All heavy atoms as atom14 arrays in JSON, in Angstrom:
{
  "sequence": "RASKPIGRKKIVTPTPVKQVAQKYKIPISIPAKLKDNPELILKLKDID",
  "atom14_mask": [
    [1, 1, 1, 1, 1, 1, 1, 1, 1, 1, 1, 0, 0, 0],
    [1, 1, 1, 1, 1, 0, 0, 0, 0, 0, 0, 0, 0, 0],
    [1, 1, 1, 1, 1, 1, 0, 0, 0, 0, 0, 0, 0, 0],
    [1, 1, 1, 1, 1, 1, 1, 1, 1, 0, 0, 0, 0, 0],
    [1, 1, 1, 1, 1, 1, 1, 0, 0, 0, 0, 0, 0, 0],
    [1, 1, 1, 1, 1, 1, 1, 1, 0, 0, 0, 0, 0, 0],
    [1, 1, 1, 1, 0, 0, 0, 0, 0, 0, 0, 0, 0, 0],
    [1, 1, 1, 1, 1, 1, 1, 1, 1, 1, 1, 0, 0, 0],
    [1, 1, 1, 1, 1, 1, 1, 1, 1, 0, 0, 0, 0, 0],
    [1, 1, 1, 1, 1, 1, 1, 1, 1, 0, 0, 0, 0, 0],
    [1, 1, 1, 1, 1, 1, 1, 1, 0, 0, 0, 0, 0, 0],
    [1, 1, 1, 1, 1, 1, 1, 0, 0, 0, 0, 0, 0, 0],
    [1, 1, 1, 1, 1, 1, 1, 0, 0, 0, 0, 0, 0, 0],
    [1, 1, 1, 1, 1, 1, 1, 0, 0, 0, 0, 0, 0, 0],
    [1, 1, 1, 1, 1, 1, 1, 0, 0, 0, 0, 0, 0, 0],
    [1, 1, 1, 1, 1, 1, 1, 0, 0, 0, 0, 0, 0, 0],
    [1, 1, 1, 1, 1, 1, 1, 0, 0, 0, 0, 0, 0, 0],
    [1, 1, 1, 1, 1, 1, 1, 1, 1, 0, 0, 0, 0, 0],
    [1, 1, 1, 1, 1, 1, 1, 1, 1, 0, 0, 0, 0, 0],
    [1, 1, 1, 1, 1, 1, 1, 0, 0, 0, 0, 0, 0, 0],
    [1, 1, 1, 1, 1, 0, 0, 0, 0, 0, 0, 0, 0, 0],
    [1, 1, 1, 1, 1, 1, 1, 1, 1, 0, 0, 0, 0, 0],
    [1, 1, 1, 1, 1, 1, 1, 1, 1, 0, 0, 0, 0, 0],
    [1, 1, 1, 1, 1, 1, 1, 1, 1, 1, 1, 1, 0, 0],
    [1, 1, 1, 1, 1, 1, 1, 1, 1, 0, 0, 0, 0, 0],
    [1, 1, 1, 1, 1, 1, 1, 1, 0, 0, 0, 0, 0, 0],
    [1, 1, 1, 1, 1, 1, 1, 0, 0, 0, 0, 0, 0, 0],
    [1, 1, 1, 1, 1, 1, 1, 1, 0, 0, 0, 0, 0, 0],
    [1, 1, 1, 1, 1, 1, 0, 0, 0, 0, 0, 0, 0, 0],
    [1, 1, 1, 1, 1, 1, 1, 1, 0, 0, 0, 0, 0, 0],
    [1, 1, 1, 1, 1, 1, 1, 0, 0, 0, 0, 0, 0, 0],
    [1, 1, 1, 1, 1, 0, 0, 0, 0, 0, 0, 0, 0, 0],
    [1, 1, 1, 1, 1, 1, 1, 1, 1, 0, 0, 0, 0, 0],
    [1, 1, 1, 1, 1, 1, 1, 1, 0, 0, 0, 0, 0, 0],
    [1, 1, 1, 1, 1, 1, 1, 1, 1, 0, 0, 0, 0, 0],
    [1, 1, 1, 1, 1, 1, 1, 1, 0, 0, 0, 0, 0, 0],
    [1, 1, 1, 1, 1, 1, 1, 1, 0, 0, 0, 0, 0, 0],
    [1, 1, 1, 1, 1, 1, 1, 0, 0, 0, 0, 0, 0, 0],
    [1, 1, 1, 1, 1, 1, 1, 1, 1, 0, 0, 0, 0, 0],
    [1, 1, 1, 1, 1, 1, 1, 1, 0, 0, 0, 0, 0, 0],
    [1, 1, 1, 1, 1, 1, 1, 1, 0, 0, 0, 0, 0, 0],
    [1, 1, 1, 1, 1, 1, 1, 1, 0, 0, 0, 0, 0, 0],
    [1, 1, 1, 1, 1, 1, 1, 1, 1, 0, 0, 0, 0, 0],
    [1, 1, 1, 1, 1, 1, 1, 1, 0, 0, 0, 0, 0, 0],
    [1, 1, 1, 1, 1, 1, 1, 1, 1, 0, 0, 0, 0, 0],
    [1, 1, 1, 1, 1, 1, 1, 1, 0, 0, 0, 0, 0, 0],
    [1, 1, 1, 1, 1, 1, 1, 1, 0, 0, 0, 0, 0, 0],
    [1, 1, 1, 1, 1, 1, 1, 1, 0, 0, 0, 0, 0, 0]
  ],
  "atom14_positions": [
    [[0.0, 2.77, -2.92], [1.3, 3.4, -3.02], [1.79, 3.83, -1.63], [1.03, 3.85, -0.66], [1.23, 4.63, -3.94], [0.69, 4.35, -5.34], [1.69, 3.64, -6.23], [2.82, 4.5, -6.52], [2.86, 5.4, -7.51], [1.8, 5.61, -8.27], [3.94, 6.12, -7.72], [0.0, 0.0, 0.0], [0.0, 0.0, 0.0], [0.0, 0.0, 0.0]],
    [[3.06, 4.2, -1.57], [3.66, 4.61, -0.3], [3.1, 5.95, 0.18], [2.65, 6.78, -0.62], [5.17, 4.71, -0.45], [0.0, 0.0, 0.0], [0.0, 0.0, 0.0], [0.0, 0.0, 0.0], [0.0, 0.0, 0.0], [0.0, 0.0, 0.0], [0.0, 0.0, 0.0], [0.0, 0.0, 0.0], [0.0, 0.0, 0.0], [0.0, 0.0, 0.0]],
    [[3.11, 6.17, 1.49], [2.69, 7.44, 2.07], [3.61, 8.56, 1.59], [4.8, 8.34, 1.35], [2.73, 7.36, 3.59], [1.91, 6.31, 4.07], [0.0, 0.0, 0.0], [0.0, 0.0, 0.0], [0.0, 0.0, 0.0], [0.0, 0.0, 0.0], [0.0, 0.0, 0.0], [0.0, 0.0, 0.0], [0.0, 0.0, 0.0], [0.0, 0.0, 0.0]],
    [[3.03, 9.78, 1.48], [3.81, 10.92, 0.99], [3.58, 12.14, 1.89], [2.54, 12.25, 2.54], [3.41, 11.27, -0.45], [3.91, 10.28, -1.49], [3.6, 10.81, -2.88], [4.18, 9.92, -3.96], [3.92, 10.45, -5.33], [0.0, 0.0, 0.0], [0.0, 0.0, 0.0], [0.0, 0.0, 0.0], [0.0, 0.0, 0.0], [0.0, 0.0, 0.0]],
    [[4.57, 13.06, 1.9], [4.36, 14.32, 2.63], [3.26, 15.15, 1.97], [3.26, 15.32, 0.76], [5.72, 15.02, 2.53], [6.69, 13.95, 2.14], [5.92, 12.96, 1.34], [0.0, 0.0, 0.0], [0.0, 0.0, 0.0], [0.0, 0.0, 0.0], [0.0, 0.0, 0.0], [0.0, 0.0, 0.0], [0.0, 0.0, 0.0], [0.0, 0.0, 0.0]],
    [[2.33, 15.65, 2.79], [1.18, 16.39, 2.27], [1.11, 17.76, 2.94], [1.38, 17.9, 4.14], [-0.13, 15.62, 2.53], [-0.1, 14.25, 1.86], [-1.34, 16.43, 2.06], [-0.1, 14.28, 0.35], [0.0, 0.0, 0.0], [0.0, 0.0, 0.0], [0.0, 0.0, 0.0], [0.0, 0.0, 0.0], [0.0, 0.0, 0.0], [0.0, 0.0, 0.0]],
    [[0.71, 18.77, 2.16], [0.45, 20.1, 2.7], [1.7, 20.9, 2.98], [2.83, 20.47, 2.73], [0.0, 0.0, 0.0], [0.0, 0.0, 0.0], [0.0, 0.0, 0.0], [0.0, 0.0, 0.0], [0.0, 0.0, 0.0], [0.0, 0.0, 0.0], [0.0, 0.0, 0.0], [0.0, 0.0, 0.0], [0.0, 0.0, 0.0], [0.0, 0.0, 0.0]],
    [[1.5, 22.12, 3.5], [2.62, 23.03, 3.76], [3.59, 22.47, 4.79], [4.79, 22.68, 4.73], [2.09, 24.38, 4.24], [1.39, 25.2, 3.16], [0.99, 26.55, 3.69], [0.37, 27.37, 2.66], [-0.06, 28.61, 2.86], [0.06, 29.15, 4.07], [-0.62, 29.29, 1.88], [0.0, 0.0, 0.0], [0.0, 0.0, 0.0], [0.0, 0.0, 0.0]],
    [[3.04, 21.73, 5.76], [3.88, 21.2, 6.82], [4.52, 19.86, 6.45], [5.28, 19.29, 7.24], [3.07, 21.04, 8.11], [2.59, 22.37, 8.67], [1.87, 22.19, 9.99], [1.42, 23.53, 10.56], [0.7, 23.36, 11.86], [0.0, 0.0, 0.0], [0.0, 0.0, 0.0], [0.0, 0.0, 0.0], [0.0, 0.0, 0.0], [0.0, 0.0, 0.0]],
    [[4.19, 19.37, 5.24], [4.79, 18.14, 4.72], [4.63, 16.97, 5.7], [5.59, 16.26, 6.0], [6.27, 18.36, 4.39], [6.54, 19.45, 3.37], [5.91, 19.14, 2.03], [6.16, 20.22, 0.99], [5.47, 19.95, -0.29], [0.0, 0.0, 0.0], [0.0, 0.0, 0.0], [0.0, 0.0, 0.0], [0.0, 0.0, 0.0], [0.0, 0.0, 0.0]],
    [[3.41, 16.8, 6.17], [3.13, 15.69, 7.08], [2.96, 14.41, 6.26], [2.14, 14.36, 5.33], [1.86, 15.98, 7.9], [2.07, 17.23, 8.76], [1.49, 14.78, 8.77], [0.82, 17.7, 9.46], [0.0, 0.0, 0.0], [0.0, 0.0, 0.0], [0.0, 0.0, 0.0], [0.0, 0.0, 0.0], [0.0, 0.0, 0.0], [0.0, 0.0, 0.0]],
    [[3.73, 13.37, 6.59], [3.65, 12.1, 5.87], [2.28, 11.48, 6.14], [1.91, 11.22, 7.3], [4.78, 11.15, 6.29], [4.63, 9.81, 5.59], [6.14, 11.78, 5.97], [0.0, 0.0, 0.0], [0.0, 0.0, 0.0], [0.0, 0.0, 0.0], [0.0, 0.0, 0.0], [0.0, 0.0, 0.0], [0.0, 0.0, 0.0], [0.0, 0.0, 0.0]],
    [[1.52, 11.27, 5.06], [0.12, 10.86, 5.19], [-0.14, 9.61, 4.34], [0.26, 9.56, 3.18], [-0.81, 11.99, 4.71], [-0.47, 13.19, 5.43], [-2.26, 11.65, 4.93], [0.0, 0.0, 0.0], [0.0, 0.0, 0.0], [0.0, 0.0, 0.0], [0.0, 0.0, 0.0], [0.0, 0.0, 0.0], [0.0, 0.0, 0.0], [0.0, 0.0, 0.0]],
    [[-0.81, 8.61, 4.9], [-1.17, 7.43, 4.1], [-2.1, 7.81, 2.95], [-2.85, 8.79, 3.03], [-1.91, 6.52, 5.11], [-1.56, 7.05, 6.45], [-1.29, 8.51, 6.29], [0.0, 0.0, 0.0], [0.0, 0.0, 0.0], [0.0, 0.0, 0.0], [0.0, 0.0, 0.0], [0.0, 0.0, 0.0], [0.0, 0.0, 0.0], [0.0, 0.0, 0.0]],
    [[-2.06, 7.05, 1.87], [-2.96, 7.31, 0.74], [-4.41, 7.14, 1.21], [-4.69, 6.41, 2.16], [-2.7, 6.34, -0.42], [-3.11, 5.02, -0.03], [-1.24, 6.33, -0.82], [0.0, 0.0, 0.0], [0.0, 0.0, 0.0], [0.0, 0.0, 0.0], [0.0, 0.0, 0.0], [0.0, 0.0, 0.0], [0.0, 0.0, 0.0], [0.0, 0.0, 0.0]],
    [[-5.36, 7.82, 0.54], [-6.77, 7.63, 0.9], [-7.2, 6.16, 0.87], [-7.99, 5.73, 1.71], [-7.5, 8.46, -0.16], [-6.54, 9.57, -0.47], [-5.19, 8.91, -0.45], [0.0, 0.0, 0.0], [0.0, 0.0, 0.0], [0.0, 0.0, 0.0], [0.0, 0.0, 0.0], [0.0, 0.0, 0.0], [0.0, 0.0, 0.0], [0.0, 0.0, 0.0]],
    [[-6.68, 5.39, -0.08], [-7.03, 3.96, -0.16], [-6.49, 3.21, 1.07], [-7.18, 2.37, 1.65], [-6.5, 3.34, -1.47], [-6.5, 1.8, -1.39], [-7.36, 3.8, -2.64], [0.0, 0.0, 0.0], [0.0, 0.0, 0.0], [0.0, 0.0, 0.0], [0.0, 0.0, 0.0], [0.0, 0.0, 0.0], [0.0, 0.0, 0.0], [0.0, 0.0, 0.0]],
    [[-5.28, 3.53, 1.47], [-4.72, 2.88, 2.65], [-5.55, 3.2, 3.88], [-5.77, 2.34, 4.75], [-3.27, 3.3, 2.87], [-2.61, 2.61, 4.06], [-1.15, 3.01, 4.24], [-0.55, 2.3, 5.45], [0.88, 2.68, 5.65], [0.0, 0.0, 0.0], [0.0, 0.0, 0.0], [0.0, 0.0, 0.0], [0.0, 0.0, 0.0], [0.0, 0.0, 0.0]],
    [[-6.01, 4.44, 3.99], [-6.82, 4.83, 5.15], [-8.12, 4.04, 5.23], [-8.54, 3.62, 6.31], [-7.1, 6.33, 5.08], [-5.86, 7.2, 5.28], [-6.15, 8.68, 5.14], [-7.12, 9.19, 5.68], [-5.31, 9.39, 4.39], [0.0, 0.0, 0.0], [0.0, 0.0, 0.0], [0.0, 0.0, 0.0], [0.0, 0.0, 0.0], [0.0, 0.0, 0.0]],
    [[-8.75, 3.79, 4.07], [-9.97, 2.98, 4.06], [-9.65, 1.54, 4.43], [-10.37, 0.9, 5.21], [-10.66, 3.05, 2.68], [-11.83, 2.05, 2.61], [-11.17, 4.46, 2.42], [0.0, 0.0, 0.0], [0.0, 0.0, 0.0], [0.0, 0.0, 0.0], [0.0, 0.0, 0.0], [0.0, 0.0, 0.0], [0.0, 0.0, 0.0], [0.0, 0.0, 0.0]],
    [[-8.55, 1.0, 3.88], [-8.16, -0.38, 4.21], [-7.89, -0.53, 5.71], [-8.29, -1.52, 6.33], [-6.93, -0.77, 3.4], [0.0, 0.0, 0.0], [0.0, 0.0, 0.0], [0.0, 0.0, 0.0], [0.0, 0.0, 0.0], [0.0, 0.0, 0.0], [0.0, 0.0, 0.0], [0.0, 0.0, 0.0], [0.0, 0.0, 0.0], [0.0, 0.0, 0.0]],
    [[-7.23, 0.45, 6.29], [-6.96, 0.42, 7.73], [-8.26, 0.48, 8.53], [-8.42, -0.21, 9.54], [-6.03, 1.57, 8.12], [-4.61, 1.42, 7.63], [-3.76, 2.65, 7.89], [-4.25, 3.78, 7.85], [-2.48, 2.46, 8.16], [0.0, 0.0, 0.0], [0.0, 0.0, 0.0], [0.0, 0.0, 0.0], [0.0, 0.0, 0.0], [0.0, 0.0, 0.0]],
    [[-9.19, 1.3, 8.07], [-10.49, 1.45, 8.75], [-11.2, 0.11, 8.85], [-11.81, -0.2, 9.89], [-11.34, 2.46, 7.98], [-12.75, 2.64, 8.5], [-13.5, 3.65, 7.65], [-14.96, 3.79, 8.07], [-15.68, 4.78, 7.21], [0.0, 0.0, 0.0], [0.0, 0.0, 0.0], [0.0, 0.0, 0.0], [0.0, 0.0, 0.0], [0.0, 0.0, 0.0]],
    [[-11.11, -0.7, 7.78], [-11.83, -1.98, 7.76], [-10.9, -3.17, 8.04], [-11.29, -4.31, 7.84], [-12.53, -2.15, 6.41], [-13.67, -1.17, 6.23], [-13.52, -0.03, 5.44], [-14.89, -1.36, 6.87], [-14.56, 0.88, 5.29], [-15.94, -0.46, 6.73], [-15.77, 0.66, 5.93], [-16.8, 1.56, 5.79], [0.0, 0.0, 0.0], [0.0, 0.0, 0.0]],
    [[-9.67, -2.85, 8.48], [-8.71, -3.9, 8.86], [-8.44, -4.89, 7.73], [-8.35, -6.11, 7.94], [-9.19, -4.63, 10.12], [-9.29, -3.71, 11.35], [-9.78, -4.45, 12.57], [-9.67, -3.6, 13.83], [-10.38, -2.31, 13.73], [0.0, 0.0, 0.0], [0.0, 0.0, 0.0], [0.0, 0.0, 0.0], [0.0, 0.0, 0.0], [0.0, 0.0, 0.0]],
    [[-8.3, -4.36, 6.52], [-7.96, -5.19, 5.35], [-6.44, -5.23, 5.22], [-5.78, -4.19, 5.31], [-8.58, -4.61, 4.07], [-10.1, -4.48, 4.22], [-8.24, -5.47, 2.86], [-10.76, -3.72, 3.08], [0.0, 0.0, 0.0], [0.0, 0.0, 0.0], [0.0, 0.0, 0.0], [0.0, 0.0, 0.0], [0.0, 0.0, 0.0], [0.0, 0.0, 0.0]],
    [[-5.84, -6.39, 5.0], [-4.39, -6.46, 4.8], [-3.94, -5.56, 3.65], [-4.63, -5.44, 2.63], [-4.15, -7.94, 4.47], [-5.28, -8.65, 5.12], [-6.46, -7.72, 5.01], [0.0, 0.0, 0.0], [0.0, 0.0, 0.0], [0.0, 0.0, 0.0], [0.0, 0.0, 0.0], [0.0, 0.0, 0.0], [0.0, 0.0, 0.0], [0.0, 0.0, 0.0]],
    [[-2.79, -4.93, 3.82], [-2.28, -3.93, 2.87], [-0.9, -4.34, 2.37], [-0.06, -4.79, 3.15], [-2.2, -2.54, 3.52], [-3.58, -2.09, 4.0], [-1.6, -1.51, 2.56], [-3.54, -0.9, 4.94], [0.0, 0.0, 0.0], [0.0, 0.0, 0.0], [0.0, 0.0, 0.0], [0.0, 0.0, 0.0], [0.0, 0.0, 0.0], [0.0, 0.0, 0.0]],
    [[-0.68, -4.14, 1.07], [0.65, -4.33, 0.48], [1.06, -3.04, -0.21], [0.25, -2.43, -0.93], [0.65, -5.49, -0.53], [1.92, -5.62, -1.13], [0.0, 0.0, 0.0], [0.0, 0.0, 0.0], [0.0, 0.0, 0.0], [0.0, 0.0, 0.0], [0.0, 0.0, 0.0], [0.0, 0.0, 0.0], [0.0, 0.0, 0.0], [0.0, 0.0, 0.0]],
    [[2.31, -2.61, 0.04], [2.83, -1.4, -0.61], [4.13, -1.78, -1.32], [5.23, -1.49, -0.84], [3.06, -0.27, 0.41], [1.78, -0.02, 1.22], [3.51, 1.01, -0.29], [1.93, 1.03, 2.3], [0.0, 0.0, 0.0], [0.0, 0.0, 0.0], [0.0, 0.0, 0.0], [0.0, 0.0, 0.0], [0.0, 0.0, 0.0], [0.0, 0.0, 0.0]],
    [[4.03, -2.44, -2.47], [5.24, -2.88, -3.17], [5.99, -1.72, -3.8], [5.38, -0.77, -4.31], [4.69, -3.83, -4.24], [3.29, -3.35, -4.49], [2.79, -2.83, -3.18], [0.0, 0.0, 0.0], [0.0, 0.0, 0.0], [0.0, 0.0, 0.0], [0.0, 0.0, 0.0], [0.0, 0.0, 0.0], [0.0, 0.0, 0.0], [0.0, 0.0, 0.0]],
    [[7.3, -1.79, -3.78], [8.12, -0.76, -4.42], [7.97, -0.82, -5.94], [8.1, 0.19, -6.63], [9.58, -0.92, -4.03], [0.0, 0.0, 0.0], [0.0, 0.0, 0.0], [0.0, 0.0, 0.0], [0.0, 0.0, 0.0], [0.0, 0.0, 0.0], [0.0, 0.0, 0.0], [0.0, 0.0, 0.0], [0.0, 0.0, 0.0], [0.0, 0.0, 0.0]],
    [[7.69, -2.0, -6.45], [7.46, -2.18, -7.88], [6.51, -3.35, -8.09], [6.33, -4.2, -7.2], [8.79, -2.44, -8.62], [9.51, -3.71, -8.17], [10.77, -3.94, -8.98], [11.46, -5.25, -8.57], [12.65, -5.54, -9.4], [0.0, 0.0, 0.0], [0.0, 0.0, 0.0], [0.0, 0.0, 0.0], [0.0, 0.0, 0.0], [0.0, 0.0, 0.0]],
    [[5.89, -3.39, -9.27], [4.97, -4.48, -9.6], [5.63, -5.52, -10.5], [5.42, -6.73, -10.32], [3.72, -3.93, -10.29], [2.85, -2.97, -9.47], [1.61, -2.58, -10.28], [2.43, -3.58, -8.15], [0.0, 0.0, 0.0], [0.0, 0.0, 0.0], [0.0, 0.0, 0.0], [0.0, 0.0, 0.0], [0.0, 0.0, 0.0], [0.0, 0.0, 0.0]],
    [[6.42, -5.04, -11.44], [7.06, -5.95, -12.38], [8.26, -6.64, -11.72], [9.0, -6.03, -10.95], [7.52, -5.18, -13.63], [7.89, -6.09, -14.78], [8.14, -5.28, -16.05], [8.43, -6.19, -17.22], [8.65, -5.43, -18.47], [0.0, 0.0, 0.0], [0.0, 0.0, 0.0], [0.0, 0.0, 0.0], [0.0, 0.0, 0.0], [0.0, 0.0, 0.0]],
    [[8.42, -7.92, -12.04], [9.53, -8.72, -11.48], [9.54, -8.64, -9.96], [10.57, -8.38, -9.33], [10.88, -8.22, -12.04], [10.96, -8.35, -13.56], [10.42, -9.33, -14.1], [11.54, -7.45, -14.19], [0.0, 0.0, 0.0], [0.0, 0.0, 0.0], [0.0, 0.0, 0.0], [0.0, 0.0, 0.0], [0.0, 0.0, 0.0], [0.0, 0.0, 0.0]],
    [[8.38, -8.88, -9.38], [8.24, -8.88, -7.93], [7.68, -10.24, -7.5], [6.47, -10.39, -7.32], [7.29, -7.74, -7.5], [7.24, -7.56, -5.99], [7.48, -8.5, -5.23], [6.91, -6.36, -5.55], [0.0, 0.0, 0.0], [0.0, 0.0, 0.0], [0.0, 0.0, 0.0], [0.0, 0.0, 0.0], [0.0, 0.0, 0.0], [0.0, 0.0, 0.0]],
    [[8.57, -11.23, -7.34], [8.1, -12.59, -7.02], [7.34, -12.68, -5.7], [6.43, -13.5, -5.57], [9.39, -13.41, -6.98], [10.5, -12.42, -6.81], [10.03, -11.17, -7.47], [0.0, 0.0, 0.0], [0.0, 0.0, 0.0], [0.0, 0.0, 0.0], [0.0, 0.0, 0.0], [0.0, 0.0, 0.0], [0.0, 0.0, 0.0], [0.0, 0.0, 0.0]],
    [[7.68, -11.82, -4.74], [6.99, -11.86, -3.46], [5.51, -11.47, -3.62], [4.62, -12.12, -3.06], [7.68, -10.91, -2.48], [7.06, -10.92, -1.08], [7.76, -9.97, -0.12], [8.85, -9.48, -0.45], [7.19, -9.71, 0.95], [0.0, 0.0, 0.0], [0.0, 0.0, 0.0], [0.0, 0.0, 0.0], [0.0, 0.0, 0.0], [0.0, 0.0, 0.0]],
    [[5.25, -10.42, -4.4], [3.88, -9.99, -4.64], [3.12, -11.05, -5.44], [1.95, -11.35, -5.14], [3.86, -8.66, -5.38], [2.48, -8.12, -5.76], [1.63, -7.85, -4.52], [2.6, -6.85, -6.61], [0.0, 0.0, 0.0], [0.0, 0.0, 0.0], [0.0, 0.0, 0.0], [0.0, 0.0, 0.0], [0.0, 0.0, 0.0], [0.0, 0.0, 0.0]],
    [[3.76, -11.59, -6.47], [3.11, -12.61, -7.29], [2.73, -13.82, -6.45], [1.62, -14.37, -6.58], [4.02, -13.04, -8.46], [4.26, -11.85, -9.41], [3.42, -14.21, -9.23], [3.01, -11.3, -10.05], [0.0, 0.0, 0.0], [0.0, 0.0, 0.0], [0.0, 0.0, 0.0], [0.0, 0.0, 0.0], [0.0, 0.0, 0.0], [0.0, 0.0, 0.0]],
    [[3.62, -14.24, -5.57], [3.34, -15.39, -4.7], [2.16, -15.08, -3.78], [1.29, -15.93, -3.57], [4.58, -15.74, -3.88], [4.46, -16.96, -2.95], [4.15, -18.21, -3.76], [5.75, -17.15, -2.14], [0.0, 0.0, 0.0], [0.0, 0.0, 0.0], [0.0, 0.0, 0.0], [0.0, 0.0, 0.0], [0.0, 0.0, 0.0], [0.0, 0.0, 0.0]],
    [[2.13, -13.86, -3.26], [1.03, -13.46, -2.38], [-0.3, -13.5, -3.12], [-1.32, -13.98, -2.61], [1.3, -12.07, -1.82], [0.28, -11.59, -0.8], [0.62, -10.19, -0.29], [1.88, -10.2, 0.55], [2.14, -8.88, 1.2], [0.0, 0.0, 0.0], [0.0, 0.0, 0.0], [0.0, 0.0, 0.0], [0.0, 0.0, 0.0], [0.0, 0.0, 0.0]],
    [[-0.3, -12.99, -4.36], [-1.52, -13.0, -5.16], [-1.95, -14.42, -5.52], [-3.15, -14.74, -5.51], [-1.32, -12.16, -6.43], [-1.15, -10.65, -6.22], [-0.8, -9.96, -7.54], [-2.42, -10.03, -5.63], [0.0, 0.0, 0.0], [0.0, 0.0, 0.0], [0.0, 0.0, 0.0], [0.0, 0.0, 0.0], [0.0, 0.0, 0.0], [0.0, 0.0, 0.0]],
    [[-0.99, -15.28, -5.83], [-1.32, -16.67, -6.16], [-1.9, -17.39, -4.94], [-2.82, -18.21, -5.08], [-0.08, -17.39, -6.68], [0.3, -17.0, -8.1], [1.52, -17.79, -8.59], [1.83, -17.47, -10.04], [3.04, -18.21, -10.52], [0.0, 0.0, 0.0], [0.0, 0.0, 0.0], [0.0, 0.0, 0.0], [0.0, 0.0, 0.0], [0.0, 0.0, 0.0]],
    [[-1.37, -17.09, -3.76], [-1.9, -17.71, -2.55], [-3.35, -17.27, -2.3], [-4.18, -18.06, -1.85], [-1.03, -17.34, -1.34], [0.3, -18.08, -1.32], [0.42, -19.1, -2.05], [1.22, -17.64, -0.6], [0.0, 0.0, 0.0], [0.0, 0.0, 0.0], [0.0, 0.0, 0.0], [0.0, 0.0, 0.0], [0.0, 0.0, 0.0], [0.0, 0.0, 0.0]],
    [[-3.65, -16.02, -2.59], [-5.01, -15.51, -2.42], [-5.95, -16.11, -3.46], [-7.11, -16.4, -3.18], [-5.03, -13.97, -2.5], [-4.32, -13.37, -1.28], [-6.45, -13.43, -2.6], [-4.09, -11.88, -1.38], [0.0, 0.0, 0.0], [0.0, 0.0, 0.0], [0.0, 0.0, 0.0], [0.0, 0.0, 0.0], [0.0, 0.0, 0.0], [0.0, 0.0, 0.0]],
    [[-5.45, -16.29, -4.69], [-6.23, -16.84, -5.8], [-7.51, -16.05, -6.02], [-8.63, -16.58, -5.91], [-6.55, -18.32, -5.53], [-7.14, -19.02, -6.77], [-6.86, -18.56, -7.89], [-7.9, -19.99, -6.58], [0.0, 0.0, 0.0], [0.0, 0.0, 0.0], [0.0, 0.0, 0.0], [0.0, 0.0, 0.0], [0.0, 0.0, 0.0], [0.0, 0.0, 0.0]]
  ]
}
């Protein structure tokens, strides 16, 4: 999911999952929606 403001100071922070993906240099996708998203579907089909 997209990064959100966290804590009293509302600092925009990546999700814990994104932080792990960044740590291991894994490609990341943050789609605005899952349904009717041909770009995401194409990406998943290419990965197979």
